Amino acid sequence: MKLVAWIIRIVLFALLFVLALRNTADVSLQLFFDAVWRAPLILILLAAFGLGILAALAAVAPALMRQRLEAGRLRRALGEARSQAAENAREPQAAGSGIPYNVVGPKV
């Protein structure tokens, strides 16, 4: 399976490399306020791809931060519960707790 993944990666890299080599002609990108960016087509495509990655990260960041905060809160609560359970295990049960141990059935 790893071999297939590496073959796919190599083929994809080769295709993108050939695409980059074939698209070196200068193009002009019309921006706002009559601004023009003249650059090779592959550079403009790379910039658009990078901006797309940044936009996706900005869209995912708030949910990711909420998940991290919730995971930290749950870890702290788990630690407190474990320490409280350890304290309760150290305390001996009272001798006259009223629960008979020789009775079959649920202890109510």
Protein backbone atom coordinates (compact mmCIF):
# COMPACT_ATOMS: atom_id res chain seq x y z
CA MET A 1 0.00 0.00 0.00
CA LYS A 2 2.89 2.34 0.75
CA LEU A 3 4.35 1.59 -2.66
CA VAL A 4 1.09 2.58 -4.36
CA ALA A 5 0.97 5.82 -2.36
CA TRP A 6 4.53 6.68 -3.36
CA ILE A 7 3.83 5.92 -7.01
CA ILE A 8 0.80 8.22 -6.93
CA ARG A 9 2.88 10.98 -5.28
CA ILE A 10 5.65 10.67 -7.87
CA VAL A 11 3.19 10.76 -10.77
CA LEU A 12 1.37 13.76 -9.29
CA PHE A 13 4.67 15.60 -8.73
CA ALA A 14 5.76 14.88 -12.30
CA LEU A 15 2.46 16.15 -13.72
CA LEU A 16 2.59 19.35 -11.67
CA PHE A 17 6.24 19.89 -12.59
CA VAL A 18 5.47 19.56 -16.30
CA LEU A 19 2.50 21.91 -15.85
CA ALA A 20 4.80 24.47 -14.23
CA LEU A 21 7.35 24.18 -17.03
CA ARG A 22 4.74 24.58 -19.74
CA ASN A 23 3.05 27.65 -18.15
CA THR A 24 5.92 30.11 -17.92
CA ALA A 25 4.36 32.73 -20.17
CA ASP A 26 3.66 36.10 -18.59
CA VAL A 27 0.04 36.89 -17.90
CA SER A 28 -1.57 39.92 -16.36
CA LEU A 29 -3.98 39.67 -13.47
CA GLN A 30 -6.40 42.58 -13.22
CA LEU A 31 -6.80 43.52 -9.54
CA PHE A 32 -8.92 46.15 -7.84
CA PHE A 33 -8.38 49.90 -8.39
CA ASP A 34 -6.79 49.39 -11.82
CA ALA A 35 -3.84 47.51 -10.38
CA VAL A 36 -2.26 44.88 -12.63
CA TRP A 37 0.03 42.03 -11.58
CA ARG A 38 2.21 40.69 -14.38
CA ALA A 39 3.80 37.34 -13.56
CA PRO A 40 4.18 33.83 -14.96
CA LEU A 41 0.93 31.87 -14.93
CA ILE A 42 2.29 29.18 -12.64
CA LEU A 43 3.26 31.81 -10.05
CA ILE A 44 -0.25 33.25 -10.09
CA LEU A 45 -1.71 29.75 -9.73
CA LEU A 46 0.64 29.05 -6.82
CA ALA A 47 -0.39 32.31 -5.12
CA ALA A 48 -4.07 31.45 -5.57
CA PHE A 49 -3.45 27.99 -4.10
CA GLY A 50 -1.63 29.51 -1.12
CA LEU A 51 -4.44 32.00 -0.52
CA GLY A 52 -6.92 29.12 -0.61
CA ILE A 53 -4.92 27.26 2.03
CA LEU A 54 -4.82 30.36 4.24
CA ALA A 55 -8.58 30.88 3.85
CA ALA A 56 -9.25 27.25 4.79
CA LEU A 57 -7.03 27.48 7.87
CA ALA A 58 -8.74 30.70 8.94
CA ALA A 59 -12.12 29.01 8.57
CA VAL A 60 -11.11 25.95 10.62
CA ALA A 61 -9.13 27.76 13.35
CA PRO A 62 -12.06 28.79 15.63
CA ALA A 63 -13.51 25.27 15.78
CA LEU A 64 -10.06 23.81 16.38
CA MET A 65 -9.43 26.21 19.27
CA ARG A 66 -12.80 25.35 20.83
CA GLN A 67 -11.95 21.65 20.62
CA ARG A 68 -8.55 22.22 22.25
CA LEU A 69 -10.11 24.22 25.08
CA GLU A 70 -12.77 21.54 25.63
CA ALA A 71 -10.13 18.77 25.63
CA GLY A 72 -8.10 20.67 28.25
CA ARG A 73 -11.17 21.18 30.40
CA LEU A 74 -12.05 17.49 30.18
CA ARG A 75 -8.46 16.47 31.05
CA ARG A 76 -8.55 18.67 34.15
CA ALA A 77 -11.94 17.24 35.17
CA LEU A 78 -10.61 13.70 34.68
CA GLY A 79 -7.57 14.45 36.83
CA GLU A 80 -9.76 15.88 39.58
CA ALA A 81 -12.08 12.86 39.43
CA ARG A 82 -9.12 10.46 39.65
CA SER A 83 -7.62 12.28 42.61
CA GLN A 84 -11.00 12.34 44.35
CA ALA A 85 -11.45 8.61 43.69
CA ALA A 86 -7.98 7.94 45.10
CA GLU A 87 -8.86 9.94 48.24
CA ASN A 88 -12.11 8.00 48.67
CA ALA A 89 -10.27 4.69 48.25
CA ARG A 90 -7.82 5.63 51.03
CA GLU A 91 -10.60 6.44 53.52
CA PRO A 92 -11.77 3.28 55.34
CA GLN A 93 -15.44 2.43 55.23
CA ALA A 94 -17.34 2.91 58.48
CA ALA A 95 -17.89 -0.37 60.35
CA GLY A 96 -21.60 0.24 60.92
CA SER A 97 -22.51 1.49 57.47
CA GLY A 98 -25.73 -0.51 57.52
CA ILE A 99 -24.98 -2.55 54.38
CA PRO A 100 -25.07 -6.27 55.13
CA TYR A 101 -22.53 -8.20 53.04
CA ASN A 102 -24.23 -11.58 53.34
CA VAL A 103 -27.48 -10.57 51.62
CA VAL A 104 -27.93 -11.72 48.04
CA GLY A 105 -29.36 -9.11 45.71
CA PRO A 106 -28.86 -5.45 44.96
CA LYS A 107 -27.66 -3.21 47.76
CA VAL A 108 -30.09 -0.34 48.00
